[in-house]
Amino acid sequence: MQLYTTDFITGKNIETIGMVTGGAVQTKHLGRDFMAGVRKLVGGEVLVYTQMQDEAQAQATLNMLEDAQRMGADAIICIRYSIASIEGSSKVLAYGTAVKFV
């Protein structure tokens, strides 16, 4: 499966199938969340939260790919991410347009 953030694929004729989505909510255990809170006091990157965000985005992308595969897509174009924080967890929605090559 090919993934694109652009709304077209150079050199390919495509047929739109429809919108695909994938969501994920990721959290860390309480001990790591406490240590991240301590890190906020002294400043700098909070690696636990960076890792949590990366994991949520990767899972949301995989869920979106599964949605596209169920539809028989060859690629996903116009991929976008929506990210939110919910009480110490990271929520990511991945979405795009499933297409077939013609």
N, C-alpha and C. Protein backbone atom coordinates (compact mmCIF):
# COMPACT_ATOMS: atom_id res chain seq x y z
N MET A 1 0.86 -1.18 0.00
CA MET A 1 0.00 0.00 0.00
C MET A 1 0.89 1.23 0.00
N GLN A 2 0.60 2.15 -0.90
CA GLN A 2 1.36 3.39 -0.98
C GLN A 2 0.61 4.50 -0.22
N LEU A 3 1.38 5.33 0.49
CA LEU A 3 0.81 6.41 1.28
C LEU A 3 1.34 7.75 0.79
N TYR A 4 0.44 8.73 0.62
CA TYR A 4 0.82 10.05 0.12
C TYR A 4 0.10 11.14 0.90
N THR A 5 0.80 12.22 1.15
CA THR A 5 0.14 13.40 1.74
C THR A 5 -0.38 14.32 0.64
N THR A 6 0.03 14.10 -0.59
CA THR A 6 -0.44 14.91 -1.71
C THR A 6 -1.82 14.45 -2.15
N ASP A 7 -2.52 15.29 -2.93
CA ASP A 7 -3.86 14.91 -3.38
C ASP A 7 -3.87 14.30 -4.78
N PHE A 8 -2.68 13.92 -5.27
CA PHE A 8 -2.58 13.21 -6.54
C PHE A 8 -1.27 12.43 -6.53
N ILE A 9 -1.14 11.50 -7.48
CA ILE A 9 0.09 10.73 -7.61
C ILE A 9 0.60 10.95 -9.03
N THR A 10 1.73 11.59 -9.16
CA THR A 10 2.30 11.91 -10.46
C THR A 10 2.47 10.63 -11.29
N GLY A 11 1.96 10.67 -12.51
CA GLY A 11 2.11 9.55 -13.44
C GLY A 11 1.11 8.43 -13.24
N LYS A 12 0.17 8.59 -12.34
CA LYS A 12 -0.83 7.54 -12.08
C LYS A 12 -2.23 8.09 -12.30
N ASN A 13 -3.07 7.31 -12.97
CA ASN A 13 -4.49 7.62 -13.05
C ASN A 13 -5.16 6.90 -11.89
N ILE A 14 -5.94 7.64 -11.13
CA ILE A 14 -6.54 7.05 -9.94
C ILE A 14 -8.06 7.21 -9.95
N GLU A 15 -8.70 6.28 -9.28
CA GLU A 15 -10.14 6.32 -9.06
C GLU A 15 -10.37 6.37 -7.56
N THR A 16 -11.15 7.35 -7.13
CA THR A 16 -11.43 7.50 -5.70
C THR A 16 -12.40 6.44 -5.23
N ILE A 17 -12.04 5.79 -4.12
CA ILE A 17 -12.93 4.80 -3.50
C ILE A 17 -13.71 5.45 -2.37
N GLY A 18 -13.01 6.19 -1.50
CA GLY A 18 -13.69 6.85 -0.39
C GLY A 18 -12.73 7.19 0.73
N MET A 19 -13.27 7.78 1.77
CA MET A 19 -12.46 8.18 2.92
C MET A 19 -12.14 6.97 3.79
N VAL A 20 -10.91 6.96 4.31
CA VAL A 20 -10.49 5.93 5.25
C VAL A 20 -10.01 6.62 6.52
N THR A 21 -10.21 5.95 7.65
CA THR A 21 -9.79 6.51 8.93
C THR A 21 -9.17 5.43 9.80
N GLY A 22 -8.40 5.88 10.76
CA GLY A 22 -7.84 4.99 11.77
C GLY A 22 -7.56 5.82 13.01
N GLY A 23 -7.99 5.33 14.14
CA GLY A 23 -7.78 6.06 15.38
C GLY A 23 -7.01 5.23 16.38
N ALA A 24 -6.37 5.92 17.32
CA ALA A 24 -5.67 5.25 18.41
C ALA A 24 -5.57 6.20 19.60
N VAL A 25 -5.66 5.62 20.78
CA VAL A 25 -5.43 6.36 22.01
C VAL A 25 -4.34 5.61 22.76
N GLN A 26 -3.28 6.31 23.08
CA GLN A 26 -2.11 5.71 23.74
C GLN A 26 -1.90 6.38 25.08
N THR A 27 -1.49 5.59 26.07
CA THR A 27 -1.21 6.14 27.40
C THR A 27 0.04 5.47 27.96
N LYS A 28 0.61 6.05 28.99
CA LYS A 28 1.76 5.46 29.70
C LYS A 28 1.33 5.15 31.12
N HIS A 29 2.03 4.24 31.76
CA HIS A 29 1.62 3.88 33.12
C HIS A 29 1.93 5.03 34.09
N LEU A 30 1.30 4.97 35.23
CA LEU A 30 1.31 6.05 36.21
C LEU A 30 2.71 6.50 36.62
N GLY A 31 3.63 5.56 36.81
CA GLY A 31 5.00 5.90 37.22
C GLY A 31 5.70 6.77 36.19
N ARG A 32 5.56 6.42 34.94
CA ARG A 32 6.19 7.23 33.88
C ARG A 32 5.52 8.58 33.75
N ASP A 33 4.20 8.61 33.94
CA ASP A 33 3.48 9.88 33.87
C ASP A 33 3.93 10.81 35.00
N PHE A 34 4.17 10.25 36.18
CA PHE A 34 4.66 11.04 37.30
C PHE A 34 6.03 11.63 37.00
N MET A 35 6.93 10.81 36.44
CA MET A 35 8.28 11.27 36.12
C MET A 35 8.24 12.34 35.02
N ALA A 36 7.31 12.21 34.09
CA ALA A 36 7.16 13.22 33.05
C ALA A 36 6.71 14.54 33.68
N GLY A 37 5.85 14.47 34.69
CA GLY A 37 5.42 15.68 35.39
C GLY A 37 6.58 16.37 36.08
N VAL A 38 7.48 15.59 36.67
CA VAL A 38 8.69 16.14 37.29
C VAL A 38 9.54 16.81 36.22
N ARG A 39 9.65 16.18 35.05
CA ARG A 39 10.46 16.73 33.96
C ARG A 39 9.90 18.08 33.50
N LYS A 40 8.59 18.24 33.55
CA LYS A 40 7.98 19.52 33.16
C LYS A 40 8.45 20.66 34.04
N LEU A 41 8.79 20.37 35.28
CA LEU A 41 9.24 21.41 36.20
C LEU A 41 10.62 21.96 35.83
N VAL A 42 11.48 21.11 35.28
CA VAL A 42 12.85 21.54 34.95
C VAL A 42 13.02 21.91 33.49
N GLY A 43 12.04 21.58 32.66
CA GLY A 43 12.10 21.95 31.24
C GLY A 43 12.72 20.87 30.38
N GLY A 44 12.62 21.06 29.08
CA GLY A 44 13.18 20.12 28.12
C GLY A 44 12.12 19.19 27.55
N GLU A 45 12.55 18.36 26.63
CA GLU A 45 11.65 17.41 25.98
C GLU A 45 11.25 16.31 26.96
N VAL A 46 9.98 15.97 26.94
CA VAL A 46 9.48 14.89 27.78
C VAL A 46 9.43 13.64 26.88
N LEU A 47 10.49 12.85 26.93
CA LEU A 47 10.65 11.72 26.02
C LEU A 47 9.53 10.70 26.14
N VAL A 48 8.99 10.51 27.34
CA VAL A 48 7.88 9.57 27.53
C VAL A 48 6.68 10.00 26.69
N TYR A 49 6.38 11.29 26.67
CA TYR A 49 5.25 11.78 25.89
C TYR A 49 5.55 11.74 24.39
N THR A 50 6.79 12.00 24.01
CA THR A 50 7.18 11.91 22.59
C THR A 50 6.99 10.48 22.11
N GLN A 51 7.43 9.52 22.90
CA GLN A 51 7.28 8.11 22.55
C GLN A 51 5.80 7.73 22.48
N MET A 52 5.01 8.20 23.44
CA MET A 52 3.58 7.92 23.46
C MET A 52 2.91 8.46 22.20
N GLN A 53 3.28 9.67 21.79
CA GLN A 53 2.71 10.28 20.60
C GLN A 53 3.09 9.50 19.35
N ASP A 54 4.36 9.10 19.25
CA ASP A 54 4.83 8.31 18.10
C ASP A 54 4.09 6.98 18.00
N GLU A 55 3.90 6.32 19.14
CA GLU A 55 3.20 5.03 19.16
C GLU A 55 1.75 5.19 18.73
N ALA A 56 1.09 6.24 19.20
CA ALA A 56 -0.30 6.48 18.84
C ALA A 56 -0.43 6.77 17.35
N GLN A 57 0.49 7.56 16.80
CA GLN A 57 0.44 7.88 15.38
C GLN A 57 0.69 6.64 14.53
N ALA A 58 1.64 5.82 14.92
CA ALA A 58 1.93 4.58 14.18
C ALA A 58 0.72 3.65 14.20
N GLN A 59 0.07 3.51 15.36
CA GLN A 59 -1.10 2.63 15.45
C GLN A 59 -2.26 3.18 14.64
N ALA A 60 -2.48 4.49 14.68
CA ALA A 60 -3.56 5.10 13.90
C ALA A 60 -3.32 4.88 12.41
N THR A 61 -2.07 4.99 11.97
CA THR A 61 -1.73 4.76 10.57
C THR A 61 -2.02 3.32 10.18
N LEU A 62 -1.63 2.37 11.03
CA LEU A 62 -1.91 0.96 10.75
C LEU A 62 -3.42 0.70 10.67
N ASN A 63 -4.18 1.30 11.56
CA ASN A 63 -5.64 1.13 11.54
C ASN A 63 -6.23 1.71 10.26
N MET A 64 -5.70 2.85 9.79
CA MET A 64 -6.16 3.44 8.54
C MET A 64 -5.82 2.53 7.36
N LEU A 65 -4.63 1.95 7.37
CA LEU A 65 -4.22 1.02 6.30
C LEU A 65 -5.16 -0.18 6.24
N GLU A 66 -5.52 -0.72 7.39
CA GLU A 66 -6.45 -1.85 7.43
C GLU A 66 -7.80 -1.46 6.83
N ASP A 67 -8.27 -0.26 7.11
CA ASP A 67 -9.52 0.24 6.55
C ASP A 67 -9.42 0.29 5.02
N ALA A 68 -8.30 0.80 4.52
CA ALA A 68 -8.10 0.91 3.07
C ALA A 68 -7.99 -0.47 2.42
N GLN A 69 -7.33 -1.40 3.08
CA GLN A 69 -7.22 -2.76 2.53
C GLN A 69 -8.58 -3.42 2.42
N ARG A 70 -9.44 -3.22 3.41
CA ARG A 70 -10.81 -3.77 3.36
C ARG A 70 -11.58 -3.23 2.16
N MET A 71 -11.25 -2.00 1.76
CA MET A 71 -11.93 -1.38 0.62
C MET A 71 -11.29 -1.76 -0.72
N GLY A 72 -10.17 -2.48 -0.68
CA GLY A 72 -9.48 -2.87 -1.91
C GLY A 72 -8.65 -1.77 -2.52
N ALA A 73 -8.18 -0.84 -1.73
CA ALA A 73 -7.41 0.30 -2.24
C ALA A 73 -5.97 -0.10 -2.61
N ASP A 74 -5.41 0.64 -3.55
CA ASP A 74 -4.00 0.49 -3.91
C ASP A 74 -3.13 1.50 -3.19
N ALA A 75 -3.73 2.62 -2.80
CA ALA A 75 -2.98 3.70 -2.15
C ALA A 75 -3.94 4.57 -1.35
N ILE A 76 -3.35 5.39 -0.48
CA ILE A 76 -4.11 6.40 0.25
C ILE A 76 -3.45 7.75 -0.04
N ILE A 77 -4.26 8.71 -0.47
CA ILE A 77 -3.76 10.05 -0.74
C ILE A 77 -4.37 11.02 0.27
N CYS A 78 -3.86 12.24 0.29
CA CYS A 78 -4.37 13.31 1.17
C CYS A 78 -4.34 12.90 2.64
N ILE A 79 -3.31 12.20 3.08
CA ILE A 79 -3.26 11.74 4.46
C ILE A 79 -3.03 12.93 5.39
N ARG A 80 -3.82 12.95 6.45
CA ARG A 80 -3.72 13.98 7.47
C ARG A 80 -3.85 13.33 8.85
N TYR A 81 -3.39 14.04 9.85
CA TYR A 81 -3.48 13.56 11.24
C TYR A 81 -4.12 14.63 12.10
N SER A 82 -4.98 14.19 12.99
CA SER A 82 -5.56 15.06 14.00
C SER A 82 -5.11 14.51 15.35
N ILE A 83 -4.55 15.38 16.19
CA ILE A 83 -3.96 14.93 17.45
C ILE A 83 -4.58 15.70 18.60
N ALA A 84 -4.92 14.97 19.66
CA ALA A 84 -5.49 15.59 20.85
C ALA A 84 -4.92 14.92 22.09
N SER A 85 -5.00 15.61 23.19
CA SER A 85 -4.56 15.08 24.47
C SER A 85 -5.78 14.89 25.36
N ILE A 86 -5.86 13.72 26.00
CA ILE A 86 -6.98 13.43 26.89
C ILE A 86 -6.40 12.94 28.21
N GLU A 87 -6.35 13.79 29.23
CA GLU A 87 -5.91 13.42 30.58
C GLU A 87 -4.70 12.48 30.60
N GLY A 88 -3.59 12.91 30.04
CA GLY A 88 -2.37 12.13 30.08
C GLY A 88 -2.25 11.08 29.00
N SER A 89 -3.17 11.05 28.07
CA SER A 89 -3.08 10.12 26.95
C SER A 89 -3.06 10.91 25.65
N SER A 90 -2.65 10.24 24.60
CA SER A 90 -2.58 10.88 23.29
C SER A 90 -3.57 10.21 22.35
N LYS A 91 -4.45 11.00 21.77
CA LYS A 91 -5.43 10.50 20.81
C LYS A 91 -5.03 10.98 19.43
N VAL A 92 -4.93 10.05 18.48
CA VAL A 92 -4.57 10.39 17.11
C VAL A 92 -5.61 9.82 16.16
N LEU A 93 -6.06 10.63 15.23
CA LEU A 93 -6.92 10.18 14.14
C LEU A 93 -6.15 10.38 12.84
N ALA A 94 -5.98 9.30 12.10
CA ALA A 94 -5.37 9.38 10.77
C ALA A 94 -6.50 9.25 9.76
N TYR A 95 -6.46 10.07 8.71
CA TYR A 95 -7.50 9.96 7.70
C TYR A 95 -6.95 10.36 6.33
N GLY A 96 -7.58 9.84 5.30
CA GLY A 96 -7.15 10.11 3.94
C GLY A 96 -8.20 9.59 2.95
N THR A 97 -7.81 9.59 1.68
CA THR A 97 -8.69 9.14 0.60
C THR A 97 -8.12 7.87 0.00
N ALA A 98 -8.90 6.80 0.03
CA ALA A 98 -8.49 5.53 -0.58
C ALA A 98 -8.71 5.62 -2.08
N VAL A 99 -7.71 5.15 -2.85
CA VAL A 99 -7.81 5.18 -4.31
C VAL A 99 -7.36 3.84 -4.90
N LYS A 100 -7.82 3.60 -6.11
CA LYS A 100 -7.36 2.46 -6.91
C LYS A 100 -6.67 3.01 -8.16
N PHE A 101 -5.65 2.30 -8.62
CA PHE A 101 -4.99 2.68 -9.86
C PHE A 101 -5.80 2.16 -11.05
N VAL A 102 -5.99 3.01 -12.05
CA VAL A 102 -6.72 2.60 -13.25
C VAL A 102 -5.82 2.69 -14.46
